[in-house]
Amino acid sequence: MSQKVKNIVDGIFPITKESFQKIDDLLTFETFEKDDVFIQRNKRNEKEYFILSGVCKSYLINPDGDEITISLFTENSILSPHQTRTPKNISNLNFKALTNLEIASINAKEFENLMIENIEIRNFANTVLQNELMLKVEKEIGLATLTAKERLIEFRKKYRLLENLIPHTDIASYLGITNISLSRLRKDLMS
């Protein structure tokens, strides 16, 4: 399991074995079943997360009680950084497993201390933060400038085969369209 985390880290910003060992010493491993909410909005959360296998989403509940998908996270990736999703250690989003999920986590304060003392870990963390910002901006631009069909095509490029793994309601919500519109677009693209 530690090797999976090392592979995730190296895929973002390679660090030495010695630097990774400092992270590895603090990792804990957890599994969640499909549909488990493992981070709740307005609840305390003090962790950074690595997705080892499975798919999860961040989401909010709209005034009608519907889940609105904000982001999707697939295996071999990192959840949004602690500092972007937990002002004062209180989560501003919900996170739910869309498939069975294996994760590794590390206490955010301990990770922050590693960043202070180790330049490689700091550079890794800064790259994660920059990547998160780029993804958010890319999604906002797509929602503002692309048609629903173009957003679905881009989604398929970015998340290959995800349509076969997670509920289409989550995909539609992520794309900013209704489930009925998604169904029509999928039929349209098949013909």
N, C-alpha and C. Protein backbone atom coordinates (compact mmCIF):
# COMPACT_ATOMS: atom_id res chain seq x y z
N MET A 1 0.83 -1.21 0.00
CA MET A 1 0.00 0.00 0.00
C MET A 1 0.86 1.26 0.00
N SER A 2 1.96 1.24 0.75
CA SER A 2 2.85 2.40 0.78
C SER A 2 3.42 2.68 -0.60
N GLN A 3 3.69 1.63 -1.36
CA GLN A 3 4.24 1.82 -2.70
C GLN A 3 3.23 2.54 -3.60
N LYS A 4 1.94 2.26 -3.41
CA LYS A 4 0.92 2.97 -4.19
C LYS A 4 0.96 4.46 -3.88
N VAL A 5 1.12 4.79 -2.61
CA VAL A 5 1.20 6.21 -2.23
C VAL A 5 2.44 6.83 -2.85
N LYS A 6 3.56 6.13 -2.78
CA LYS A 6 4.81 6.63 -3.38
C LYS A 6 4.62 6.89 -4.87
N ASN A 7 3.94 5.97 -5.56
CA ASN A 7 3.68 6.15 -6.99
C ASN A 7 2.82 7.40 -7.26
N ILE A 8 1.83 7.63 -6.39
CA ILE A 8 0.98 8.82 -6.54
C ILE A 8 1.83 10.07 -6.37
N VAL A 9 2.63 10.09 -5.31
CA VAL A 9 3.49 11.25 -5.03
C VAL A 9 4.44 11.49 -6.20
N ASP A 10 5.12 10.44 -6.64
CA ASP A 10 6.10 10.59 -7.73
C ASP A 10 5.45 11.01 -9.04
N GLY A 11 4.18 10.63 -9.24
CA GLY A 11 3.46 11.04 -10.45
C GLY A 11 3.15 12.53 -10.46
N ILE A 12 3.17 13.14 -9.29
CA ILE A 12 2.88 14.57 -9.17
C ILE A 12 4.18 15.38 -9.07
N PHE A 13 5.04 14.96 -8.15
CA PHE A 13 6.33 15.63 -7.96
C PHE A 13 7.27 14.63 -7.29
N PRO A 14 8.17 14.03 -8.06
CA PRO A 14 9.04 12.98 -7.51
C PRO A 14 9.87 13.48 -6.32
N ILE A 15 9.92 12.64 -5.28
CA ILE A 15 10.74 12.94 -4.10
C ILE A 15 11.61 11.71 -3.80
N THR A 16 12.64 11.91 -3.01
CA THR A 16 13.56 10.82 -2.68
C THR A 16 12.89 9.82 -1.74
N LYS A 17 13.47 8.62 -1.66
CA LYS A 17 12.97 7.59 -0.74
C LYS A 17 13.02 8.10 0.69
N GLU A 18 14.08 8.85 1.02
CA GLU A 18 14.24 9.37 2.38
C GLU A 18 13.11 10.34 2.73
N SER A 19 12.78 11.22 1.81
CA SER A 19 11.69 12.17 2.05
C SER A 19 10.36 11.43 2.13
N PHE A 20 10.15 10.47 1.22
CA PHE A 20 8.88 9.73 1.27
C PHE A 20 8.74 8.95 2.57
N GLN A 21 9.83 8.44 3.11
CA GLN A 21 9.77 7.67 4.35
C GLN A 21 9.15 8.50 5.48
N LYS A 22 9.39 9.80 5.47
CA LYS A 22 8.81 10.69 6.48
C LYS A 22 7.28 10.71 6.35
N ILE A 23 6.78 10.69 5.12
CA ILE A 23 5.34 10.62 4.89
C ILE A 23 4.83 9.24 5.27
N ASP A 24 5.51 8.22 4.80
CA ASP A 24 5.09 6.83 5.02
C ASP A 24 4.94 6.52 6.51
N ASP A 25 5.82 7.06 7.32
CA ASP A 25 5.78 6.80 8.76
C ASP A 25 4.49 7.31 9.40
N LEU A 26 3.81 8.23 8.75
CA LEU A 26 2.61 8.85 9.32
C LEU A 26 1.31 8.40 8.66
N LEU A 27 1.40 7.54 7.65
CA LEU A 27 0.20 7.12 6.91
C LEU A 27 -0.67 6.15 7.70
N THR A 28 -1.97 6.30 7.53
CA THR A 28 -2.93 5.29 7.98
C THR A 28 -3.75 4.89 6.76
N PHE A 29 -4.26 3.66 6.77
CA PHE A 29 -4.99 3.14 5.63
C PHE A 29 -6.42 2.81 6.05
N GLU A 30 -7.36 3.15 5.17
CA GLU A 30 -8.77 2.93 5.45
C GLU A 30 -9.47 2.44 4.19
N THR A 31 -10.58 1.75 4.40
CA THR A 31 -11.43 1.35 3.28
C THR A 31 -12.85 1.82 3.57
N PHE A 32 -13.55 2.15 2.51
CA PHE A 32 -14.94 2.57 2.62
C PHE A 32 -15.76 1.82 1.59
N GLU A 33 -16.98 1.51 1.95
CA GLU A 33 -17.90 0.85 1.04
C GLU A 33 -18.54 1.90 0.12
N LYS A 34 -19.02 1.44 -1.02
CA LYS A 34 -19.75 2.30 -1.94
C LYS A 34 -20.87 3.01 -1.16
N ASP A 35 -21.01 4.29 -1.41
CA ASP A 35 -22.02 5.17 -0.80
C ASP A 35 -21.68 5.64 0.61
N ASP A 36 -20.55 5.22 1.18
CA ASP A 36 -20.13 5.75 2.49
C ASP A 36 -19.73 7.21 2.33
N VAL A 37 -20.23 8.06 3.22
CA VAL A 37 -19.78 9.44 3.29
C VAL A 37 -18.65 9.45 4.31
N PHE A 38 -17.45 9.75 3.86
CA PHE A 38 -16.31 9.66 4.76
C PHE A 38 -15.79 11.02 5.23
N ILE A 39 -16.29 12.09 4.63
CA ILE A 39 -16.06 13.43 5.15
C ILE A 39 -17.41 14.15 5.07
N GLN A 40 -17.82 14.76 6.18
CA GLN A 40 -19.11 15.45 6.19
C GLN A 40 -18.91 16.96 6.31
N ARG A 41 -19.73 17.66 5.55
CA ARG A 41 -19.71 19.12 5.59
C ARG A 41 -20.04 19.59 7.01
N ASN A 42 -19.37 20.66 7.41
CA ASN A 42 -19.54 21.27 8.73
C ASN A 42 -19.08 20.39 9.89
N LYS A 43 -18.33 19.34 9.58
CA LYS A 43 -17.74 18.48 10.62
C LYS A 43 -16.22 18.65 10.58
N ARG A 44 -15.62 18.39 11.70
CA ARG A 44 -14.16 18.51 11.82
C ARG A 44 -13.47 17.48 10.92
N ASN A 45 -12.41 17.92 10.25
CA ASN A 45 -11.59 17.03 9.44
C ASN A 45 -10.17 17.55 9.47
N GLU A 46 -9.24 16.66 9.78
CA GLU A 46 -7.84 17.08 9.95
C GLU A 46 -6.89 16.19 9.16
N LYS A 47 -7.31 15.74 7.96
CA LYS A 47 -6.48 14.81 7.20
C LYS A 47 -6.26 15.26 5.77
N GLU A 48 -5.16 14.74 5.22
CA GLU A 48 -4.89 14.77 3.78
C GLU A 48 -5.13 13.34 3.29
N TYR A 49 -5.60 13.18 2.04
CA TYR A 49 -5.99 11.85 1.55
C TYR A 49 -5.36 11.51 0.21
N PHE A 50 -4.96 10.25 0.07
CA PHE A 50 -4.50 9.66 -1.18
C PHE A 50 -5.51 8.58 -1.57
N ILE A 51 -6.01 8.62 -2.80
CA ILE A 51 -6.96 7.61 -3.28
C ILE A 51 -6.16 6.47 -3.89
N LEU A 52 -6.16 5.31 -3.25
CA LEU A 52 -5.39 4.16 -3.72
C LEU A 52 -6.17 3.35 -4.75
N SER A 53 -7.46 3.17 -4.50
CA SER A 53 -8.31 2.50 -5.48
C SER A 53 -9.74 2.96 -5.28
N GLY A 54 -10.49 2.96 -6.38
CA GLY A 54 -11.89 3.37 -6.33
C GLY A 54 -12.09 4.79 -6.81
N VAL A 55 -13.34 5.24 -6.68
CA VAL A 55 -13.75 6.56 -7.13
C VAL A 55 -14.60 7.20 -6.03
N CYS A 56 -14.39 8.50 -5.80
CA CYS A 56 -15.23 9.23 -4.86
C CYS A 56 -15.52 10.61 -5.43
N LYS A 57 -16.41 11.30 -4.76
CA LYS A 57 -16.78 12.65 -5.21
C LYS A 57 -16.84 13.60 -4.02
N SER A 58 -16.65 14.87 -4.31
CA SER A 58 -17.01 15.91 -3.36
C SER A 58 -18.34 16.46 -3.84
N TYR A 59 -19.18 16.84 -2.87
CA TYR A 59 -20.51 17.33 -3.25
C TYR A 59 -21.10 18.20 -2.16
N LEU A 60 -22.13 18.93 -2.56
CA LEU A 60 -22.94 19.74 -1.66
C LEU A 60 -24.39 19.37 -1.87
N ILE A 61 -25.23 19.72 -0.93
CA ILE A 61 -26.67 19.49 -1.04
C ILE A 61 -27.32 20.83 -1.38
N ASN A 62 -28.09 20.87 -2.48
CA ASN A 62 -28.74 22.13 -2.85
C ASN A 62 -30.03 22.32 -2.03
N PRO A 63 -30.68 23.48 -2.15
CA PRO A 63 -31.89 23.73 -1.35
C PRO A 63 -33.02 22.71 -1.58
N ASP A 64 -33.01 22.03 -2.73
CA ASP A 64 -34.04 21.00 -3.01
C ASP A 64 -33.67 19.64 -2.44
N GLY A 65 -32.48 19.54 -1.82
CA GLY A 65 -32.05 18.28 -1.23
C GLY A 65 -31.29 17.38 -2.19
N ASP A 66 -30.94 17.89 -3.38
CA ASP A 66 -30.19 17.11 -4.36
C ASP A 66 -28.70 17.23 -4.12
N GLU A 67 -27.98 16.14 -4.39
CA GLU A 67 -26.53 16.17 -4.31
C GLU A 67 -25.97 16.81 -5.58
N ILE A 68 -25.15 17.83 -5.42
CA ILE A 68 -24.50 18.50 -6.54
C ILE A 68 -23.02 18.13 -6.51
N THR A 69 -22.59 17.39 -7.52
CA THR A 69 -21.21 16.92 -7.58
C THR A 69 -20.28 18.07 -7.95
N ILE A 70 -19.29 18.29 -7.11
CA ILE A 70 -18.32 19.36 -7.34
C ILE A 70 -17.09 18.82 -8.08
N SER A 71 -16.51 17.73 -7.53
CA SER A 71 -15.31 17.13 -8.12
C SER A 71 -15.38 15.62 -8.04
N LEU A 72 -14.65 14.98 -8.93
CA LEU A 72 -14.51 13.52 -8.93
C LEU A 72 -13.04 13.18 -8.71
N PHE A 73 -12.81 12.11 -7.96
CA PHE A 73 -11.44 11.67 -7.66
C PHE A 73 -11.34 10.18 -7.96
N THR A 74 -10.37 9.82 -8.77
CA THR A 74 -10.19 8.44 -9.18
C THR A 74 -8.94 7.86 -8.52
N GLU A 75 -8.77 6.56 -8.69
CA GLU A 75 -7.62 5.93 -8.05
C GLU A 75 -6.32 6.56 -8.53
N ASN A 76 -5.34 6.47 -7.65
CA ASN A 76 -4.01 7.06 -7.89
C ASN A 76 -4.06 8.58 -7.99
N SER A 77 -4.90 9.19 -7.15
CA SER A 77 -4.97 10.65 -7.12
C SER A 77 -5.03 11.11 -5.67
N ILE A 78 -5.13 12.40 -5.50
CA ILE A 78 -5.17 13.02 -4.18
C ILE A 78 -6.45 13.83 -4.06
N LEU A 79 -7.08 13.75 -2.89
CA LEU A 79 -8.24 14.58 -2.62
C LEU A 79 -7.81 16.04 -2.58
N SER A 80 -8.77 16.93 -2.77
CA SER A 80 -8.47 18.36 -2.64
C SER A 80 -7.68 18.59 -1.35
N PRO A 81 -6.66 19.43 -1.42
CA PRO A 81 -5.83 19.65 -0.23
C PRO A 81 -6.64 20.16 0.97
N HIS A 82 -6.21 19.77 2.14
CA HIS A 82 -6.86 20.13 3.39
C HIS A 82 -7.13 21.63 3.47
N GLN A 83 -6.15 22.45 3.13
CA GLN A 83 -6.32 23.89 3.29
C GLN A 83 -7.38 24.47 2.37
N THR A 84 -7.73 23.78 1.28
CA THR A 84 -8.77 24.31 0.38
C THR A 84 -10.17 23.84 0.75
N ARG A 85 -10.27 22.76 1.53
CA ARG A 85 -11.60 22.21 1.83
C ARG A 85 -11.99 22.26 3.29
N THR A 86 -11.10 22.76 4.14
CA THR A 86 -11.41 22.75 5.57
C THR A 86 -10.96 24.02 6.28
N PRO A 87 -11.63 25.15 6.04
CA PRO A 87 -11.26 26.33 6.81
C PRO A 87 -11.43 26.05 8.31
N LYS A 88 -10.40 26.34 9.08
CA LYS A 88 -10.41 26.10 10.54
C LYS A 88 -10.73 24.65 10.89
N ASN A 89 -10.26 23.73 10.04
CA ASN A 89 -10.43 22.28 10.24
C ASN A 89 -11.89 21.81 10.17
N ILE A 90 -12.78 22.61 9.60
CA ILE A 90 -14.18 22.23 9.42
C ILE A 90 -14.42 22.08 7.92
N SER A 91 -14.88 20.91 7.52
CA SER A 91 -15.05 20.63 6.09
C SER A 91 -16.14 21.50 5.48
N ASN A 92 -15.86 22.07 4.31
CA ASN A 92 -16.87 22.84 3.59
C ASN A 92 -17.57 22.00 2.51
N LEU A 93 -17.19 20.72 2.40
CA LEU A 93 -17.77 19.81 1.41
C LEU A 93 -18.04 18.44 2.05
N ASN A 94 -18.91 17.68 1.40
CA ASN A 94 -19.09 16.27 1.71
C ASN A 94 -18.26 15.47 0.72
N PHE A 95 -17.79 14.30 1.15
CA PHE A 95 -17.07 13.37 0.27
C PHE A 95 -17.69 11.99 0.42
N LYS A 96 -18.01 11.39 -0.72
CA LYS A 96 -18.69 10.09 -0.72
C LYS A 96 -17.98 9.12 -1.66
N ALA A 97 -17.88 7.86 -1.22
CA ALA A 97 -17.35 6.80 -2.06
C ALA A 97 -18.40 6.43 -3.11
N LEU A 98 -18.03 6.48 -4.39
CA LEU A 98 -18.94 6.08 -5.47
C LEU A 98 -18.74 4.62 -5.86
N THR A 99 -17.62 4.06 -5.44
CA THR A 99 -17.32 2.64 -5.56
C THR A 99 -16.67 2.26 -4.23
N ASN A 100 -16.36 1.00 -4.03
CA ASN A 100 -15.54 0.67 -2.87
C ASN A 100 -14.25 1.46 -2.99
N LEU A 101 -13.73 1.91 -1.87
CA LEU A 101 -12.64 2.88 -1.87
C LEU A 101 -11.57 2.48 -0.88
N GLU A 102 -10.32 2.54 -1.33
CA GLU A 102 -9.17 2.37 -0.44
C GLU A 102 -8.41 3.68 -0.43
N ILE A 103 -8.14 4.18 0.77
CA ILE A 103 -7.41 5.43 0.87
C ILE A 103 -6.29 5.32 1.89
N ALA A 104 -5.33 6.20 1.74
CA ALA A 104 -4.31 6.42 2.75
C ALA A 104 -4.49 7.86 3.21
N SER A 105 -4.29 8.10 4.49
CA SER A 105 -4.43 9.46 4.99
C SER A 105 -3.27 9.79 5.92
N ILE A 106 -3.10 11.08 6.11
CA ILE A 106 -2.05 11.59 7.00
C ILE A 106 -2.63 12.81 7.71
N ASN A 107 -2.31 12.97 8.96
CA ASN A 107 -2.76 14.13 9.71
C ASN A 107 -2.25 15.40 9.03
N ALA A 108 -3.14 16.35 8.78
CA ALA A 108 -2.78 17.56 8.03
C ALA A 108 -1.75 18.41 8.76
N LYS A 109 -1.84 18.51 10.06
CA LYS A 109 -0.86 19.32 10.82
C LYS A 109 0.52 18.66 10.76
N GLU A 110 0.56 17.34 10.90
CA GLU A 110 1.85 16.64 10.80
C GLU A 110 2.43 16.78 9.39
N PHE A 111 1.56 16.73 8.39
CA PHE A 111 2.03 16.91 7.01
C PHE A 111 2.56 18.34 6.81
N GLU A 112 1.87 19.30 7.39
CA GLU A 112 2.34 20.69 7.30
C GLU A 112 3.72 20.84 7.94
N ASN A 113 3.95 20.16 9.05
CA ASN A 113 5.27 20.19 9.70
C ASN A 113 6.33 19.60 8.79
N LEU A 114 5.98 18.51 8.08
CA LEU A 114 6.92 17.92 7.12
C LEU A 114 7.25 18.91 6.00
N MET A 115 6.24 19.66 5.56
CA MET A 115 6.45 20.66 4.51
C MET A 115 7.42 21.74 4.97
N ILE A 116 7.32 22.12 6.22
CA ILE A 116 8.19 23.16 6.75
C ILE A 116 9.64 22.69 6.80
N GLU A 117 9.84 21.45 7.20
CA GLU A 117 11.21 20.95 7.39
C GLU A 117 11.83 20.31 6.16
N ASN A 118 11.02 19.97 5.14
CA ASN A 118 11.55 19.24 3.99
C ASN A 118 11.15 19.93 2.69
N ILE A 119 12.11 20.44 1.95
CA ILE A 119 11.84 21.19 0.71
C ILE A 119 11.17 20.32 -0.35
N GLU A 120 11.55 19.05 -0.44
CA GLU A 120 10.92 18.16 -1.45
C GLU A 120 9.44 17.99 -1.16
N ILE A 121 9.11 17.75 0.10
CA ILE A 121 7.70 17.57 0.48
C ILE A 121 6.94 18.88 0.27
N ARG A 122 7.58 20.00 0.57
CA ARG A 122 6.94 21.31 0.34
C ARG A 122 6.66 21.51 -1.14
N ASN A 123 7.63 21.18 -2.01
CA ASN A 123 7.43 21.33 -3.45
C ASN A 123 6.34 20.40 -3.96
N PHE A 124 6.30 19.19 -3.43
CA PHE A 124 5.21 18.26 -3.78
C PHE A 124 3.86 18.87 -3.41
N ALA A 125 3.74 19.35 -2.17
CA ALA A 125 2.47 19.91 -1.69
C ALA A 125 2.07 21.15 -2.49
N ASN A 126 3.02 21.99 -2.82
CA ASN A 126 2.71 23.18 -3.62
C ASN A 126 2.24 22.79 -5.02
N THR A 127 2.81 21.73 -5.58
CA THR A 127 2.37 21.25 -6.90
C THR A 127 0.95 20.72 -6.82
N VAL A 128 0.62 20.00 -5.75
CA VAL A 128 -0.75 19.51 -5.55
C VAL A 128 -1.72 20.69 -5.51
N LEU A 129 -1.36 21.72 -4.78
CA LEU A 129 -2.21 22.91 -4.65
C LEU A 129 -2.38 23.61 -6.00
N GLN A 130 -1.30 23.75 -6.75
CA GLN A 130 -1.39 24.37 -8.08
C GLN A 130 -2.27 23.54 -9.01
N ASN A 131 -2.11 22.22 -8.97
CA ASN A 131 -2.93 21.34 -9.81
C ASN A 131 -4.41 21.47 -9.47
N GLU A 132 -4.71 21.56 -8.18
CA GLU A 132 -6.10 21.71 -7.73
C GLU A 132 -6.69 23.01 -8.29
N LEU A 133 -5.93 24.08 -8.20
CA LEU A 133 -6.40 25.37 -8.71
C LEU A 133 -6.64 25.30 -10.21
N MET A 134 -5.71 24.68 -10.94
CA MET A 134 -5.87 24.58 -12.40
C MET A 134 -7.12 23.76 -12.76
N LEU A 135 -7.37 22.67 -12.03
CA LEU A 135 -8.56 21.86 -12.30
C LEU A 135 -9.85 22.64 -12.06
N LYS A 136 -9.88 23.41 -10.98
CA LYS A 136 -11.08 24.20 -10.66
C LYS A 136 -11.32 25.26 -11.74
N VAL A 137 -10.26 25.93 -12.15
CA VAL A 137 -10.41 26.97 -13.18
C VAL A 137 -10.82 26.34 -14.51
N GLU A 138 -10.21 25.21 -14.85
CA GLU A 138 -10.56 24.50 -16.09
C GLU A 138 -12.04 24.11 -16.10
N LYS A 139 -12.54 23.61 -14.95
CA LYS A 139 -13.95 23.22 -14.87
C LYS A 139 -14.85 24.45 -15.02
N GLU A 140 -14.52 25.54 -14.33
CA GLU A 140 -15.32 26.76 -14.43
C GLU A 140 -15.37 27.28 -15.86
N ILE A 141 -14.24 27.29 -16.53
CA ILE A 141 -14.20 27.76 -17.92
C ILE A 141 -15.04 26.86 -18.80
N GLY A 142 -14.94 25.54 -18.59
CA GLY A 142 -15.74 24.60 -19.37
C GLY A 142 -17.23 24.80 -19.17
N LEU A 143 -17.64 25.02 -17.92
CA LEU A 143 -19.07 25.24 -17.64
C LEU A 143 -19.56 26.52 -18.31
N ALA A 144 -18.68 27.51 -18.41
CA ALA A 144 -19.08 28.80 -18.98
C ALA A 144 -19.00 28.85 -20.49
N THR A 145 -18.12 28.05 -21.11
CA THR A 145 -17.87 28.23 -22.54
C THR A 145 -18.22 27.04 -23.42
N LEU A 146 -18.37 25.86 -22.85
CA LEU A 146 -18.64 24.68 -23.67
C LEU A 146 -20.12 24.31 -23.63
N THR A 147 -20.58 23.73 -24.73
CA THR A 147 -21.94 23.19 -24.73
C THR A 147 -21.95 21.93 -23.88
N ALA A 148 -23.14 21.48 -23.52
CA ALA A 148 -23.26 20.26 -22.72
C ALA A 148 -22.61 19.07 -23.43
N LYS A 149 -22.80 19.01 -24.74
CA LYS A 149 -22.20 17.93 -25.52
C LYS A 149 -20.67 17.99 -25.46
N GLU A 150 -20.12 19.19 -25.61
CA GLU A 150 -18.66 19.36 -25.54
C GLU A 150 -18.14 19.01 -24.14
N ARG A 151 -18.91 19.36 -23.10
CA ARG A 151 -18.49 19.01 -21.73
C ARG A 151 -18.46 17.50 -21.54
N LEU A 152 -19.43 16.79 -22.11
CA LEU A 152 -19.45 15.33 -22.01
C LEU A 152 -18.26 14.73 -22.75
N ILE A 153 -17.96 15.25 -23.92
CA ILE A 153 -16.81 14.75 -24.69
C ILE A 153 -15.52 14.96 -23.89
N GLU A 154 -15.36 16.14 -23.30
CA GLU A 154 -14.17 16.42 -22.48
C GLU A 154 -14.12 15.52 -21.25
N PHE A 155 -15.27 15.29 -20.64
CA PHE A 155 -15.36 14.39 -19.48
C PHE A 155 -14.86 12.99 -19.86
N ARG A 156 -15.30 12.52 -21.01
CA ARG A 156 -14.89 11.18 -21.47
C ARG A 156 -13.39 11.10 -21.72
N LYS A 157 -12.80 12.19 -22.21
CA LYS A 157 -11.35 12.20 -22.43
C LYS A 157 -10.61 12.15 -21.09
N LYS A 158 -11.10 12.91 -20.14
CA LYS A 158 -10.43 13.03 -18.84
C LYS A 158 -10.67 11.81 -17.96
N TYR A 159 -11.87 11.27 -17.97
CA TYR A 159 -12.26 10.17 -17.08
C TYR A 159 -12.69 8.96 -17.90
N ARG A 160 -11.77 8.38 -18.60
CA ARG A 160 -12.06 7.23 -19.45
C ARG A 160 -12.73 6.12 -18.64
N LEU A 161 -13.78 5.57 -19.16
CA LEU A 161 -14.52 4.43 -18.59
C LEU A 161 -15.29 4.75 -17.31
N LEU A 162 -15.24 5.97 -16.81
CA LEU A 162 -15.93 6.30 -15.57
C LEU A 162 -17.45 6.17 -15.73
N GLU A 163 -17.95 6.39 -16.95
CA GLU A 163 -19.39 6.27 -17.18
C GLU A 163 -19.90 4.87 -16.84
N ASN A 164 -19.02 3.88 -16.89
CA ASN A 164 -19.42 2.50 -16.58
C ASN A 164 -19.28 2.16 -15.10
N LEU A 165 -18.70 3.07 -14.31
CA LEU A 165 -18.42 2.76 -12.91
C LEU A 165 -19.28 3.50 -11.91
N ILE A 166 -19.72 4.71 -12.26
CA ILE A 166 -20.42 5.53 -11.27
C ILE A 166 -21.81 5.91 -11.78
N PRO A 167 -22.70 6.30 -10.88
CA PRO A 167 -24.05 6.67 -11.30
C PRO A 167 -24.06 7.85 -12.28
N HIS A 168 -24.92 7.75 -13.27
CA HIS A 168 -25.01 8.81 -14.28
C HIS A 168 -25.54 10.11 -13.67
N THR A 169 -26.29 10.01 -12.58
CA THR A 169 -26.77 11.23 -11.91
C THR A 169 -25.59 12.06 -11.42
N ASP A 170 -24.52 11.40 -10.95
CA ASP A 170 -23.33 12.12 -10.49
C ASP A 170 -22.59 12.76 -11.66
N ILE A 171 -22.56 12.07 -12.78
CA ILE A 171 -21.91 12.62 -13.97
C ILE A 171 -22.68 13.84 -14.47
N ALA A 172 -24.00 13.71 -14.56
CA ALA A 172 -24.84 14.82 -15.02
C ALA A 172 -24.65 16.04 -14.12
N SER A 173 -24.68 15.82 -12.82
CA SER A 173 -24.50 16.90 -11.87
C SER A 173 -23.14 17.57 -12.03
N TYR A 174 -22.10 16.76 -12.19
CA TYR A 174 -20.74 17.27 -12.40
C TYR A 174 -20.68 18.14 -13.67
N LEU A 175 -21.40 17.72 -14.71
CA LEU A 175 -21.39 18.44 -15.99
C LEU A 175 -22.34 19.65 -15.98
N GLY A 176 -23.15 19.78 -14.94
CA GLY A 176 -24.07 20.91 -14.86
C GLY A 176 -25.30 20.75 -15.72
N ILE A 177 -25.72 19.48 -15.93
CA ILE A 177 -26.91 19.22 -16.74
C ILE A 177 -27.82 18.23 -15.99
N THR A 178 -29.03 18.04 -16.51
CA THR A 178 -29.95 17.08 -15.90
C THR A 178 -29.59 15.66 -16.35
N ASN A 179 -30.06 14.70 -15.61
CA ASN A 179 -29.83 13.31 -15.98
C ASN A 179 -30.50 12.98 -17.32
N ILE A 180 -31.65 13.57 -17.58
CA ILE A 180 -32.36 13.36 -18.85
C ILE A 180 -31.52 13.91 -20.01
N SER A 181 -30.94 15.09 -19.82
CA SER A 181 -30.07 15.67 -20.86
C SER A 181 -28.86 14.79 -21.11
N LEU A 182 -28.29 14.26 -20.03
CA LEU A 182 -27.13 13.36 -20.18
C LEU A 182 -27.52 12.13 -20.99
N SER A 183 -28.67 11.56 -20.69
CA SER A 183 -29.14 10.37 -21.41
C SER A 183 -29.29 10.68 -22.91
N ARG A 184 -29.86 11.82 -23.22
CA ARG A 184 -30.02 12.23 -24.63
C ARG A 184 -28.67 12.42 -25.31
N LEU A 185 -27.76 13.09 -24.61
CA LEU A 185 -26.42 13.33 -25.19
C LEU A 185 -25.68 12.02 -25.44
N ARG A 186 -25.81 11.08 -24.52
CA ARG A 186 -25.14 9.79 -24.67
C ARG A 186 -25.68 9.06 -25.91
N LYS A 187 -27.00 9.10 -26.09
CA LYS A 187 -27.61 8.47 -27.27
C LYS A 187 -27.15 9.17 -28.54
N ASP A 188 -27.11 10.50 -28.47
CA ASP A 188 -26.66 11.33 -29.59
C ASP A 188 -25.24 10.96 -30.02
N LEU A 189 -24.36 10.79 -29.06
CA LEU A 189 -22.96 10.51 -29.36
C LEU A 189 -22.74 9.07 -29.82
N MET A 190 -23.71 8.20 -29.56
CA MET A 190 -23.59 6.80 -30.01
C MET A 190 -23.93 6.66 -31.48
N SER A 191 -24.80 7.57 -31.97
CA SER A 191 -25.24 7.44 -33.37
C SER A 191 -24.33 8.15 -34.34
